[in-house]
Amino acid sequence: MNDYEKELALHDYLLKNAEYDKRLYGGSMPEESYTDYGVLVKGTGVCDSYAKAMYRLLNSAGIETLYVTGDAVDGEKNIPHAWNIVKIDGEYYNLDATWNDPIVYSKHNDIIRYTYFNITDEQLSKDHIWDKSKYPKCTSEKYTHI
């Protein structure tokens, strides 16, 4: 497999085998839900967990990956958020696995989206805020998955 195919396979594997930890909203979430262990072993986590897991999986597969922190725009307020930047064929892309795994309150939680798979800074900045000076620019659309 090439790097794009590896990235897609690892992304899909993670989203098929993990779910967002809704205990965040009730205040009873365990600390492990903020770690890569949370989604990789326990099957639940929040954005930190998803981003750290993607970081571990992709770097282990030889794909340069960064862990990014910033904010997500949720209606009128900003909330702390984490995602990744991946390097495929010399170009950088934003990857937000958490937002590709929608929170579903039914038995249909196996839905995978690709809205935030290998997108540009321009696309991501519609609902994400981060210090762009700390990270490589993501401008390519060659490996955007639609």
C-alpha atoms as a PDB file:
ATOM      1  CA  MET A   1       0.000   0.000   0.000  1.00  0.00           C
ATOM      2  CA  ASN A   2       1.129   3.551  -0.592  1.00  0.00           C
ATOM      3  CA  ASP A   3       1.000   6.125   2.222  1.00  0.00           C
ATOM      4  CA  TYR A   4      -2.444   7.413   1.234  1.00  0.00           C
ATOM      5  CA  GLU A   5      -3.888   3.890   1.263  1.00  0.00           C
ATOM      6  CA  LYS A   6      -2.285   3.229   4.670  1.00  0.00           C
ATOM      7  CA  GLU A   7      -3.700   6.470   6.055  1.00  0.00           C
ATOM      8  CA  LEU A   8      -7.181   5.673   4.754  1.00  0.00           C
ATOM      9  CA  ALA A   9      -7.074   2.119   6.141  1.00  0.00           C
ATOM     10  CA  LEU A  10      -5.888   3.261   9.587  1.00  0.00           C
ATOM     11  CA  HIS A  11      -8.443   6.079   9.682  1.00  0.00           C
ATOM     12  CA  ASP A  12     -11.277   3.714   8.792  1.00  0.00           C
ATOM     13  CA  TYR A  13     -10.062   1.073  11.256  1.00  0.00           C
ATOM     14  CA  LEU A  14     -10.012   3.580  14.093  1.00  0.00           C
ATOM     15  CA  LEU A  15     -13.462   4.957  13.309  1.00  0.00           C
ATOM     16  CA  LYS A  16     -14.991   1.481  12.956  1.00  0.00           C
ATOM     17  CA  ASN A  17     -13.571   0.381  16.306  1.00  0.00           C
ATOM     18  CA  ALA A  18     -13.947   3.478  18.487  1.00  0.00           C
ATOM     19  CA  GLU A  19     -16.682   5.798  19.553  1.00  0.00           C
ATOM     20  CA  TYR A  20     -16.755   9.240  21.051  1.00  0.00           C
ATOM     21  CA  ASP A  21     -16.919   9.132  24.836  1.00  0.00           C
ATOM     22  CA  LYS A  22     -20.206  10.839  25.622  1.00  0.00           C
ATOM     23  CA  ARG A  23     -19.375  10.767  29.332  1.00  0.00           C
ATOM     24  CA  LEU A  24     -17.530  14.026  28.622  1.00  0.00           C
ATOM     25  CA  TYR A  25     -20.897  15.797  28.772  1.00  0.00           C
ATOM     26  CA  GLY A  26     -21.756  14.305  32.162  1.00  0.00           C
ATOM     27  CA  GLY A  27     -18.429  14.974  33.832  1.00  0.00           C
ATOM     28  CA  SER A  28     -17.759  11.313  34.656  1.00  0.00           C
ATOM     29  CA  MET A  29     -15.209  10.540  31.965  1.00  0.00           C
ATOM     30  CA  PRO A  30     -12.074   8.591  32.941  1.00  0.00           C
ATOM     31  CA  GLU A  31      -8.637  10.061  32.245  1.00  0.00           C
ATOM     32  CA  GLU A  32      -7.834   7.288  29.744  1.00  0.00           C
ATOM     33  CA  SER A  33     -10.412   8.766  27.358  1.00  0.00           C
ATOM     34  CA  TYR A  34      -7.897  11.566  26.737  1.00  0.00           C
ATOM     35  CA  THR A  35      -5.181   9.095  25.699  1.00  0.00           C
ATOM     36  CA  ASP A  36      -4.491   6.934  22.664  1.00  0.00           C
ATOM     37  CA  TYR A  37      -5.061   3.954  24.964  1.00  0.00           C
ATOM     38  CA  GLY A  38      -8.661   5.086  25.365  1.00  0.00           C
ATOM     39  CA  VAL A  39      -9.711   4.560  21.744  1.00  0.00           C
ATOM     40  CA  LEU A  40      -7.180   1.892  20.789  1.00  0.00           C
ATOM     41  CA  VAL A  41      -7.792  -0.446  23.732  1.00  0.00           C
ATOM     42  CA  LYS A  42     -10.988   0.659  25.485  1.00  0.00           C
ATOM     43  CA  GLY A  43     -12.761   1.761  22.302  1.00  0.00           C
ATOM     44  CA  THR A  44     -13.817   5.179  23.595  1.00  0.00           C
ATOM     45  CA  GLY A  45     -12.224   8.586  23.734  1.00  0.00           C
ATOM     46  CA  VAL A  46     -12.481  12.255  22.931  1.00  0.00           C
ATOM     47  CA  CYS A  47     -10.597  14.361  20.378  1.00  0.00           C
ATOM     48  CA  ASP A  48      -7.281  14.066  22.259  1.00  0.00           C
ATOM     49  CA  SER A  49      -7.616  10.299  22.187  1.00  0.00           C
ATOM     50  CA  TYR A  50      -8.477  10.141  18.475  1.00  0.00           C
ATOM     51  CA  ALA A  51      -5.667  12.523  17.496  1.00  0.00           C
ATOM     52  CA  LYS A  52      -3.089  10.752  19.675  1.00  0.00           C
ATOM     53  CA  ALA A  53      -4.160   7.365  18.293  1.00  0.00           C
ATOM     54  CA  MET A  54      -3.889   8.590  14.686  1.00  0.00           C
ATOM     55  CA  TYR A  55      -0.479  10.065  15.532  1.00  0.00           C
ATOM     56  CA  ARG A  56       0.724   6.731  16.922  1.00  0.00           C
ATOM     57  CA  LEU A  57      -0.755   4.588  14.137  1.00  0.00           C
ATOM     58  CA  LEU A  58       0.357   6.749  11.219  1.00  0.00           C
ATOM     59  CA  ASN A  59       3.872   7.388  12.508  1.00  0.00           C
ATOM     60  CA  SER A  60       4.222   3.644  13.191  1.00  0.00           C
ATOM     61  CA  ALA A  61       3.285   3.059   9.538  1.00  0.00           C
ATOM     62  CA  GLY A  62       6.039   5.455   8.445  1.00  0.00           C
ATOM     63  CA  ILE A  63       3.766   8.435   7.706  1.00  0.00           C
ATOM     64  CA  GLU A  64       4.940  11.739   9.130  1.00  0.00           C
ATOM     65  CA  THR A  65       2.153  12.970  11.384  1.00  0.00           C
ATOM     66  CA  LEU A  66       1.777  15.888  13.776  1.00  0.00           C
ATOM     67  CA  TYR A  67      -0.557  16.308  16.752  1.00  0.00           C
ATOM     68  CA  VAL A  68      -2.300  19.693  16.539  1.00  0.00           C
ATOM     69  CA  THR A  69      -4.165  21.581  19.240  1.00  0.00           C
ATOM     70  CA  GLY A  70      -6.455  24.542  18.888  1.00  0.00           C
ATOM     71  CA  ASP A  71     -10.153  25.220  19.136  1.00  0.00           C
ATOM     72  CA  ALA A  72     -13.252  24.044  17.349  1.00  0.00           C
ATOM     73  CA  VAL A  73     -16.049  26.493  16.702  1.00  0.00           C
ATOM     74  CA  ASP A  74     -19.186  25.079  18.286  1.00  0.00           C
ATOM     75  CA  GLY A  75     -22.013  27.472  17.534  1.00  0.00           C
ATOM     76  CA  GLU A  76     -21.095  30.722  19.206  1.00  0.00           C
ATOM     77  CA  LYS A  77     -18.322  29.400  21.439  1.00  0.00           C
ATOM     78  CA  ASN A  78     -14.910  27.859  20.919  1.00  0.00           C
ATOM     79  CA  ILE A  79     -13.994  24.594  22.606  1.00  0.00           C
ATOM     80  CA  PRO A  80     -10.511  23.061  22.963  1.00  0.00           C
ATOM     81  CA  HIS A  81      -9.871  20.522  20.216  1.00  0.00           C
ATOM     82  CA  ALA A  82      -7.123  18.309  18.753  1.00  0.00           C
ATOM     83  CA  TRP A  83      -6.497  16.814  15.305  1.00  0.00           C
ATOM     84  CA  ASN A  84      -3.590  15.854  13.047  1.00  0.00           C
ATOM     85  CA  ILE A  85      -1.526  17.059  10.139  1.00  0.00           C
ATOM     86  CA  VAL A  86      -0.240  14.284   7.876  1.00  0.00           C
ATOM     87  CA  LYS A  87       2.392  14.363   5.155  1.00  0.00           C
ATOM     88  CA  ILE A  88       1.583  12.379   2.011  1.00  0.00           C
ATOM     89  CA  ASP A  89       3.920  12.549  -1.018  1.00  0.00           C
ATOM     90  CA  GLY A  90       5.643  15.646   0.337  1.00  0.00           C
ATOM     91  CA  GLU A  91       2.420  17.616   0.917  1.00  0.00           C
ATOM     92  CA  TYR A  92       0.693  18.363   4.224  1.00  0.00           C
ATOM     93  CA  TYR A  93      -3.004  17.796   4.973  1.00  0.00           C
ATOM     94  CA  ASN A  94      -5.304  18.320   7.957  1.00  0.00           C
ATOM     95  CA  LEU A  95      -6.984  15.195   9.309  1.00  0.00           C
ATOM     96  CA  ASP A  96      -9.676  15.414  11.992  1.00  0.00           C
ATOM     97  CA  ALA A  97     -10.668  11.825  12.720  1.00  0.00           C
ATOM     98  CA  THR A  98     -12.912  12.888  15.598  1.00  0.00           C
ATOM     99  CA  TRP A  99     -15.139  14.999  13.368  1.00  0.00           C
ATOM    100  CA  ASN A 100     -15.239  12.191  10.802  1.00  0.00           C
ATOM    101  CA  ASP A 101     -16.759   9.910  13.456  1.00  0.00           C
ATOM    102  CA  PRO A 102     -20.127  11.513  14.185  1.00  0.00           C
ATOM    103  CA  ILE A 103     -21.720  11.079  17.585  1.00  0.00           C
ATOM    104  CA  VAL A 104     -24.763   8.939  16.915  1.00  0.00           C
ATOM    105  CA  TYR A 105     -27.258   8.079  19.623  1.00  0.00           C
ATOM    106  CA  SER A 106     -28.485   4.914  17.937  1.00  0.00           C
ATOM    107  CA  LYS A 107     -27.257   1.532  16.751  1.00  0.00           C
ATOM    108  CA  HIS A 108     -25.966   3.078  13.514  1.00  0.00           C
ATOM    109  CA  ASN A 109     -22.623   4.224  14.892  1.00  0.00           C
ATOM    110  CA  ASP A 110     -20.598   2.610  12.102  1.00  0.00           C
ATOM    111  CA  ILE A 111     -20.961   5.642   9.836  1.00  0.00           C
ATOM    112  CA  ILE A 112     -17.659   7.053   8.616  1.00  0.00           C
ATOM    113  CA  ARG A 113     -17.406  10.481   7.054  1.00  0.00           C
ATOM    114  CA  TYR A 114     -14.517  11.966   5.114  1.00  0.00           C
ATOM    115  CA  THR A 115     -15.421  15.630   5.476  1.00  0.00           C
ATOM    116  CA  TYR A 116     -12.238  16.266   7.469  1.00  0.00           C
ATOM    117  CA  PHE A 117      -9.929  13.820   5.679  1.00  0.00           C
ATOM    118  CA  ASN A 118      -6.853  15.479   4.165  1.00  0.00           C
ATOM    119  CA  ILE A 119      -8.244  18.967   3.844  1.00  0.00           C
ATOM    120  CA  THR A 120      -6.544  22.318   3.411  1.00  0.00           C
ATOM    121  CA  ASP A 121      -6.037  25.011   6.020  1.00  0.00           C
ATOM    122  CA  GLU A 122      -8.617  27.104   4.186  1.00  0.00           C
ATOM    123  CA  GLN A 123     -11.219  24.345   4.468  1.00  0.00           C
ATOM    124  CA  LEU A 124     -10.426  23.524   8.101  1.00  0.00           C
ATOM    125  CA  SER A 125     -10.394  27.165   9.222  1.00  0.00           C
ATOM    126  CA  LYS A 126     -14.145  27.385   8.598  1.00  0.00           C
ATOM    127  CA  ASP A 127     -14.713  25.746  11.994  1.00  0.00           C
ATOM    128  CA  HIS A 128     -11.262  25.233  13.546  1.00  0.00           C
ATOM    129  CA  ILE A 129      -8.866  27.803  15.019  1.00  0.00           C
ATOM    130  CA  TRP A 130      -5.145  27.201  15.620  1.00  0.00           C
ATOM    131  CA  ASP A 131      -1.814  29.001  15.600  1.00  0.00           C
ATOM    132  CA  LYS A 132      -0.898  28.394  11.964  1.00  0.00           C
ATOM    133  CA  SER A 133       2.635  29.699  12.537  1.00  0.00           C
ATOM    134  CA  LYS A 134       3.423  26.553  14.590  1.00  0.00           C
ATOM    135  CA  TYR A 135       2.541  24.060  11.851  1.00  0.00           C
ATOM    136  CA  PRO A 136       3.277  23.408   8.179  1.00  0.00           C
ATOM    137  CA  LYS A 137       0.844  24.910   5.696  1.00  0.00           C
ATOM    138  CA  CYS A 138      -1.754  22.512   4.270  1.00  0.00           C
ATOM    139  CA  THR A 139      -2.650  23.664   0.769  1.00  0.00           C
ATOM    140  CA  SER A 140      -2.794  20.561  -1.408  1.00  0.00           C
ATOM    141  CA  GLU A 141      -6.033  18.806  -2.383  1.00  0.00           C
ATOM    142  CA  LYS A 142      -4.431  15.910  -4.247  1.00  0.00           C
ATOM    143  CA  TYR A 143      -5.262  13.357  -1.542  1.00  0.00           C
ATOM    144  CA  THR A 144      -8.476  14.881  -0.218  1.00  0.00           C
ATOM    145  CA  HIS A 145     -10.981  12.050   0.112  1.00  0.00           C
ATOM    146  CA  ILE A 146     -14.472  12.985  -0.952  1.00  0.00           C
END
